[in-house]
Protein backbone atom coordinates (compact mmCIF):
# COMPACT_ATOMS: atom_id res chain seq x y z
CA UNK A 1 39.97 15.13 -54.16
CA UNK A 2 38.44 14.90 -50.67
CA UNK A 3 40.26 15.12 -47.38
CA UNK A 4 39.41 11.48 -46.66
CA UNK A 5 41.12 10.15 -49.79
CA UNK A 6 44.36 12.05 -50.60
CA UNK A 7 45.77 9.25 -52.74
CA UNK A 8 49.40 9.45 -53.83
CA UNK A 9 50.06 10.91 -57.27
CA UNK A 10 51.73 8.29 -59.41
CA UNK A 11 55.02 9.19 -61.03
CA UNK A 12 55.64 12.22 -58.82
CA UNK A 13 58.98 12.69 -57.05
CA UNK A 14 57.96 13.58 -53.48
CA UNK A 15 61.13 15.59 -52.96
CA UNK A 16 61.03 17.40 -56.31
CA UNK A 17 59.37 20.70 -57.29
CA UNK A 18 55.82 20.86 -55.93
CA UNK A 19 52.93 21.00 -58.42
CA UNK A 20 50.21 23.41 -57.40
CA UNK A 21 48.02 22.21 -54.51
CA UNK A 22 50.15 19.19 -53.64
CA UNK A 23 52.24 18.38 -50.59
CA UNK A 24 54.71 15.86 -49.18
CA UNK A 25 53.15 13.22 -46.95
CA UNK A 26 53.99 9.88 -45.39
CA UNK A 27 51.58 7.31 -46.79
CA UNK A 28 50.90 3.58 -46.65
CA UNK A 29 49.11 1.86 -49.52
CA UNK A 30 48.47 -1.34 -47.56
CA UNK A 31 48.46 -2.56 -43.97
CA UNK A 32 51.73 -3.90 -42.66
CA UNK A 33 54.96 -3.22 -40.73
CA UNK A 34 56.89 0.05 -40.60
CA UNK A 35 58.30 -0.61 -44.07
CA UNK A 36 54.91 0.18 -45.66
CA UNK A 37 55.41 3.86 -44.76
CA UNK A 38 56.94 5.96 -47.52
CA UNK A 39 57.13 9.56 -48.65
CA UNK A 40 54.83 10.58 -51.50
CA UNK A 41 53.27 13.66 -53.06
CA UNK A 42 49.53 13.92 -52.55
CA UNK A 43 46.86 16.61 -53.01
CA UNK A 44 46.46 19.14 -50.20
CA UNK A 45 43.22 18.21 -48.38
CA UNK A 46 40.29 20.60 -48.20
CA UNK A 47 38.53 21.26 -44.88
CA UNK A 48 34.84 20.51 -44.45
CA UNK A 49 32.46 23.06 -42.95
CA UNK A 50 33.32 22.08 -39.35
CA UNK A 51 37.03 21.62 -40.02
CA UNK A 52 40.23 23.64 -40.40
CA UNK A 53 43.31 23.20 -42.57
CA UNK A 54 46.62 23.26 -40.72
CA UNK A 55 50.16 23.89 -41.87
CA UNK A 56 51.79 21.12 -39.88
CA UNK A 57 54.94 21.94 -37.91
CA UNK A 58 55.23 18.64 -36.01
CA UNK A 59 53.31 15.42 -35.47
CA UNK A 60 53.27 12.99 -32.57
CA UNK A 61 53.76 9.26 -32.97
CA UNK A 62 51.30 7.31 -30.83
CA UNK A 63 50.18 3.69 -30.55
CA UNK A 64 46.97 4.46 -32.43
CA UNK A 65 49.03 5.31 -35.52
CA UNK A 66 50.75 1.91 -35.17
CA UNK A 67 47.37 0.15 -35.04
CA UNK A 68 46.17 1.98 -38.16
CA UNK A 69 49.41 1.13 -39.97
CA UNK A 70 49.27 -2.59 -39.19
CA UNK A 71 45.49 -2.89 -39.39
CA UNK A 72 45.51 -4.74 -36.06
CA UNK A 73 43.36 -5.74 -34.38
CA UNK A 74 41.56 -6.68 -37.55
CA UNK A 75 38.20 -5.42 -36.29
CA UNK A 76 39.36 -1.81 -36.67
CA UNK A 77 39.48 -2.32 -40.46
CA UNK A 78 35.69 -2.22 -40.45
CA UNK A 79 35.96 1.50 -39.77
CA UNK A 80 39.15 2.40 -41.62
CA UNK A 81 39.23 0.21 -44.73
CA UNK A 82 38.96 -3.56 -45.13
CA UNK A 83 41.80 -4.27 -47.59
CA UNK A 84 43.76 -1.02 -47.40
CA UNK A 85 43.57 2.22 -45.37
CA UNK A 86 40.78 4.46 -46.60
CA UNK A 87 42.98 7.48 -45.80
CA UNK A 88 46.56 6.49 -46.73
CA UNK A 89 48.27 9.44 -44.98
CA UNK A 90 49.55 8.38 -41.55
CA UNK A 91 49.52 10.27 -38.28
CA UNK A 92 46.99 11.76 -35.84
CA UNK A 93 48.62 14.03 -33.23
CA UNK A 94 49.48 17.47 -34.56
CA UNK A 95 50.81 20.95 -33.82
CA UNK A 96 50.60 23.61 -36.48
CA UNK A 97 49.25 26.90 -37.81
CA UNK A 98 45.68 27.41 -39.02
CA UNK A 99 45.68 28.39 -42.71
CA UNK A 100 42.02 27.90 -43.73
CA UNK A 101 38.64 27.58 -41.99
CA UNK A 102 35.52 25.61 -42.82
CA UNK A 103 32.34 27.60 -43.36
CA UNK A 104 30.85 27.11 -39.87
CA UNK A 105 34.02 27.21 -37.75
CA UNK A 106 34.10 29.79 -34.96
CA UNK A 107 36.51 30.45 -32.10
CA UNK A 108 39.59 29.72 -34.23
CA UNK A 109 41.39 32.23 -36.42
CA UNK A 110 43.73 31.97 -39.38
CA UNK A 111 47.34 32.24 -38.24
CA UNK A 112 46.63 30.75 -34.80
CA UNK A 113 49.05 28.18 -33.38
CA UNK A 114 47.08 25.13 -32.28
CA UNK A 115 47.50 21.51 -31.26
CA UNK A 116 45.20 18.51 -31.25
CA UNK A 117 44.12 15.65 -33.51
CA UNK A 118 44.14 15.68 -37.31
CA UNK A 119 43.61 13.12 -40.07
CA UNK A 120 46.95 12.39 -41.68
CA UNK A 121 49.29 14.60 -39.63
CA UNK A 122 52.47 13.11 -41.16
CA UNK A 123 52.25 15.69 -43.94
CA UNK A 124 52.88 19.32 -44.73
CA UNK A 125 49.14 20.05 -44.38
CA UNK A 126 46.37 18.26 -42.51
CA UNK A 127 42.66 18.65 -41.85
CA UNK A 128 41.32 18.62 -38.29
CA UNK A 129 37.90 18.96 -36.71
CA UNK A 130 37.62 22.30 -34.95
CA UNK A 131 36.36 20.59 -31.77
CA UNK A 132 39.59 18.55 -31.56
CA UNK A 133 41.92 21.55 -31.44
CA UNK A 134 42.99 24.14 -28.88
CA UNK A 135 45.54 26.95 -28.72
CA UNK A 136 48.99 25.41 -28.18
CA UNK A 137 50.61 25.89 -24.75
CA UNK A 138 52.79 28.97 -24.88
CA UNK A 139 55.71 27.30 -23.11
CA UNK A 140 56.09 24.37 -25.53
CA UNK A 141 57.87 23.94 -28.82
CA UNK A 142 55.86 22.55 -31.74
CA UNK A 143 57.53 19.16 -31.24
CA UNK A 144 56.58 19.09 -27.55
CA UNK A 145 53.01 20.20 -28.23
CA UNK A 146 52.55 17.58 -30.94
CA UNK A 147 53.18 14.66 -28.57
CA UNK A 148 50.55 15.74 -26.03
CA UNK A 149 47.01 15.44 -27.42
CA UNK A 150 46.08 11.76 -27.70
CA UNK A 151 48.45 10.27 -25.14
CA UNK A 152 47.84 12.86 -22.43
CA UNK A 153 44.08 12.94 -23.00
CA UNK A 154 43.99 9.14 -22.76
CA UNK A 155 45.85 9.27 -19.45
CA UNK A 156 43.51 11.99 -18.19
CA UNK A 157 40.40 10.01 -19.14
CA UNK A 158 41.77 6.81 -17.62
CA UNK A 159 42.49 8.49 -14.28
CA UNK A 160 39.48 10.76 -13.94
CA UNK A 161 36.52 9.61 -16.04
CA UNK A 162 37.16 5.85 -15.88
CA UNK A 163 39.18 5.59 -12.66
CA UNK A 164 37.34 8.23 -10.59
CA UNK A 165 40.65 9.25 -9.04
CA UNK A 166 40.51 11.21 -5.79
CA UNK A 167 43.28 13.06 -3.99
CA UNK A 168 45.07 10.92 -1.45
CA UNK A 169 44.43 7.61 -3.21
CA UNK A 170 47.17 5.12 -4.05
CA UNK A 171 47.67 4.53 -7.77
CA UNK A 172 49.67 1.85 -9.58
CA UNK A 173 50.60 2.51 -13.22
CA UNK A 174 52.00 -0.30 -15.37
CA UNK A 175 53.86 0.63 -18.56
CA UNK A 176 54.76 3.91 -16.89
CA UNK A 177 57.62 4.90 -19.21
CA UNK A 178 55.60 4.96 -22.44
CA UNK A 179 53.56 7.64 -24.14
CA UNK A 180 50.38 7.35 -22.06
CA UNK A 181 52.24 6.18 -18.96
CA UNK A 182 54.58 9.16 -18.81
CA UNK A 183 51.57 11.48 -18.72
CA UNK A 184 49.59 9.26 -16.33
CA UNK A 185 52.35 9.46 -13.71
CA UNK A 186 52.50 13.25 -13.90
CA UNK A 187 48.74 13.73 -13.97
CA UNK A 188 48.15 11.39 -11.05
CA UNK A 189 50.68 13.38 -9.01
CA UNK A 190 49.08 16.66 -10.10
CA UNK A 191 45.70 15.33 -8.89
CA UNK A 192 47.12 14.49 -5.45
CA UNK A 193 47.67 10.72 -5.65
CA UNK A 194 50.47 8.58 -4.21
CA UNK A 195 51.91 7.02 -7.36
CA UNK A 196 53.71 3.71 -7.84
CA UNK A 197 55.10 3.19 -11.34
CA UNK A 198 56.00 -0.16 -12.90
CA UNK A 199 58.65 -0.15 -15.63
CA UNK A 200 61.77 -1.90 -16.92
CA UNK A 201 65.28 -1.63 -15.48
CA UNK A 202 66.45 0.64 -18.30
CA UNK A 203 63.73 3.23 -17.65
CA UNK A 204 63.74 3.41 -13.84
CA UNK A 205 65.50 6.79 -13.72
CA UNK A 206 63.22 8.19 -16.42
CA UNK A 207 60.10 7.23 -14.47
CA UNK A 208 61.54 8.64 -11.25
CA UNK A 209 62.11 11.93 -13.08
CA UNK A 210 58.38 12.04 -13.87
CA UNK A 211 57.66 12.35 -10.14
CA UNK A 212 56.60 8.81 -9.17
CA UNK A 213 56.65 8.26 -5.41
CA UNK A 214 57.67 4.62 -5.78
CA UNK A 215 59.13 2.69 -8.74
CA UNK A 216 58.95 -1.07 -9.32
CA UNK A 217 61.36 -2.84 -11.65
CA UNK A 218 59.07 -5.32 -13.39
CA UNK A 219 62.01 -7.61 -14.22
CA UNK A 220 62.88 -8.08 -10.54
CA UNK A 221 59.75 -7.34 -8.49
CA UNK A 222 56.11 -8.43 -8.57
CA UNK A 223 53.64 -5.61 -7.99
CA UNK A 224 51.06 -8.26 -7.01
CA UNK A 225 53.10 -9.99 -4.30
CA UNK A 226 50.63 -8.86 -1.63
CA UNK A 227 52.97 -6.33 -0.03
CA UNK A 228 50.96 -3.31 -1.20
CA UNK A 229 47.41 -2.75 -2.35
CA UNK A 230 46.18 0.09 -4.52
CA UNK A 231 42.95 2.06 -4.81
CA UNK A 232 43.43 2.43 -8.57
CA UNK A 233 45.46 0.50 -11.14
CA UNK A 234 46.05 1.81 -14.66
CA UNK A 235 46.99 -1.26 -16.69
CA UNK A 236 48.82 0.30 -19.64
CA UNK A 237 51.02 -2.72 -20.35
CA UNK A 238 47.98 -4.69 -21.47
CA UNK A 239 48.92 -8.20 -20.38
CA UNK A 240 48.80 -8.98 -16.61
CA UNK A 241 46.27 -11.72 -15.78
CA UNK A 242 43.16 -10.44 -14.04
CA UNK A 243 44.06 -12.54 -11.01
CA UNK A 244 47.28 -10.52 -10.55
CA UNK A 245 45.41 -7.24 -10.80
CA UNK A 246 42.93 -8.47 -8.18
CA UNK A 247 45.74 -9.36 -5.78
CA UNK A 248 47.18 -5.85 -6.10
CA UNK A 249 43.86 -4.00 -5.63
CA UNK A 250 42.23 -3.01 -2.37
CA UNK A 251 38.93 -4.87 -1.73
CA UNK A 252 36.98 -2.05 -3.37
CA UNK A 253 39.69 -0.83 -5.76
CA UNK A 254 39.37 -0.08 -9.48
CA UNK A 255 41.44 -1.35 -12.40
CA UNK A 256 41.28 0.53 -15.70
CA UNK A 257 42.37 -1.55 -18.70
CA UNK A 258 44.06 0.45 -21.45
CA UNK A 259 45.84 -0.85 -24.55
CA UNK A 260 46.25 -4.55 -25.21
CA UNK A 261 48.77 -4.76 -28.06
CA UNK A 262 49.56 -8.35 -27.09
CA UNK A 263 45.95 -9.51 -27.47
CA UNK A 264 44.35 -11.56 -30.22
CA UNK A 265 45.00 -10.35 -33.79
CA UNK A 266 41.26 -10.18 -34.49
CA UNK A 267 40.04 -8.46 -31.33
CA UNK A 268 43.16 -7.13 -29.59
CA UNK A 269 42.63 -7.04 -25.84
CA UNK A 270 38.83 -7.14 -26.15
CA UNK A 271 38.47 -10.70 -24.86
CA UNK A 272 40.37 -9.94 -21.67
CA UNK A 273 38.44 -6.72 -21.23
CA UNK A 274 35.09 -8.48 -21.59
CA UNK A 275 36.13 -11.05 -18.98
CA UNK A 276 37.12 -8.22 -16.67
CA UNK A 277 33.81 -6.40 -17.09
CA UNK A 278 31.92 -9.63 -16.37
CA UNK A 279 34.05 -10.26 -13.28
CA UNK A 280 33.12 -6.84 -11.88
CA UNK A 281 29.53 -8.01 -11.45
CA UNK A 282 30.54 -10.66 -8.91
CA UNK A 283 33.33 -9.06 -6.86
CA UNK A 284 33.76 -5.93 -4.79
CA UNK A 285 36.55 -4.68 -7.05
CA UNK A 286 35.74 -2.75 -10.19
CA UNK A 287 37.19 -3.45 -13.66
CA UNK A 288 36.53 -1.02 -16.48
CA UNK A 289 37.78 0.38 -19.76
CA UNK A 290 36.84 3.36 -21.91
CA UNK A 291 36.97 4.84 -25.39
CA UNK A 292 39.17 7.92 -25.36
CA UNK A 293 38.37 10.90 -27.56
CA UNK A 294 40.36 14.13 -27.58
CA UNK A 295 38.21 17.25 -27.50
CA UNK A 296 38.93 20.96 -27.11
CA UNK A 297 37.96 20.91 -23.43
CA UNK A 298 40.41 18.08 -22.71
CA UNK A 299 43.21 20.00 -24.39
CA UNK A 300 42.38 23.19 -22.54
CA UNK A 301 42.61 21.39 -19.18
CA UNK A 302 45.93 19.88 -20.21
CA UNK A 303 47.18 23.30 -21.32
CA UNK A 304 46.49 24.71 -17.85
CA UNK A 305 48.57 21.96 -16.25
CA UNK A 306 51.36 22.29 -18.82
CA UNK A 307 51.62 26.07 -18.51
CA UNK A 308 51.65 25.68 -14.71
CA UNK A 309 54.63 23.32 -15.00
CA UNK A 310 52.74 20.33 -13.56
CA UNK A 311 52.89 18.28 -16.77
CA UNK A 312 55.91 18.24 -19.08
CA UNK A 313 56.02 16.37 -22.41
CA UNK A 314 59.04 14.07 -22.59
CA UNK A 315 60.55 13.63 -26.06
CA UNK A 316 62.57 10.47 -26.57
CA UNK A 317 63.75 11.80 -29.94
CA UNK A 318 62.55 13.52 -33.11
CA UNK A 319 62.69 12.40 -36.74
CA UNK A 320 62.23 14.36 -39.98
CA UNK A 321 59.19 13.53 -42.10
CA UNK A 322 61.17 11.37 -44.53
CA UNK A 323 62.31 9.12 -41.66
CA UNK A 324 58.83 8.27 -40.36
CA UNK A 325 59.38 4.56 -41.03
CA UNK A 326 62.51 4.63 -38.87
CA UNK A 327 60.57 6.44 -36.15
CA UNK A 328 57.88 3.76 -36.21
CA UNK A 329 60.56 1.08 -36.05
CA UNK A 330 61.94 2.71 -32.90
CA UNK A 331 58.44 2.76 -31.37
CA UNK A 332 58.08 -0.95 -32.11
CA UNK A 333 61.19 -1.75 -30.06
CA UNK A 334 59.31 -0.84 -26.88
CA UNK A 335 62.29 1.19 -25.68
CA UNK A 336 60.81 4.67 -26.15
CA UNK A 337 60.90 6.88 -23.07
CA UNK A 338 57.97 9.22 -23.41
CA UNK A 339 57.08 10.10 -26.98
CA UNK A 340 58.50 10.48 -30.51
CA UNK A 341 57.86 13.55 -32.66
CA UNK A 342 57.95 13.90 -36.44
CA UNK A 343 59.15 17.32 -37.65
CA UNK A 344 57.71 18.74 -40.86
């Protein structure tokens, strides 16, 4: 059985005695809502030559896992399975212990505590590419480390690679209380920006605690009312019209479009993004997006900031492995402050 296809073993009680070389995992046999997630017993995956096998201690729940569960936007199914997920085990963010190495892996040792990205991290064991792992920050628990990799790296890429953030600039972050947003606020402050965060009434205090210089209650205030203009906007909420973003930008400001859960079922936010990229050719303002990938170097830079106390993972709550469906349901409410961790 390959690491890409750890199909559930029929007739096995996932909570019963473990047959040799099997493990408990949260799987989905079809695309759909949180209810498709269920506990099953599957074969332990085997690492390829550039991969490692991890004993999972905790996994992070991120929006990417939601997309892969629902199969939306539908275009992503071209890469992950047209009718059903090619790899049924859910989860991507991970913190755990290295238990086996692929034949060409160097720089990682068995017994090392690491964090990063793995295929199917909602399981007792998971396979990860060696270049998507780094030693875990020494000042974090496994649950805290597990909620960092994808969300924090996405925020870092949005600010630095896509947004070209410079110290002293003014930054507006929409969706500031969520997984990516909670890191974006902290990272922007760490990089010397003046940060304005947009969030809901219920999460105002949470966002203030992240270090935002100014907080806007999106239910009562309009960030595009012309009162303030920003050098950089991180649009993490995924739905403001481009005209509103333009009104809030300086004449030469940049808007980075991230997310887009409210977009078309087929393409997600791609249509809006394409319109934004086309608009950039005719105006002084710049609209852009990016494809975020989490690599060892990204994690190492985040580790430096975390161990220096400049970035702190914020856990909304944790769930045991068997309650992954409930955890996903909580994510879908849109009320999560920071991130959710799955303990294994």
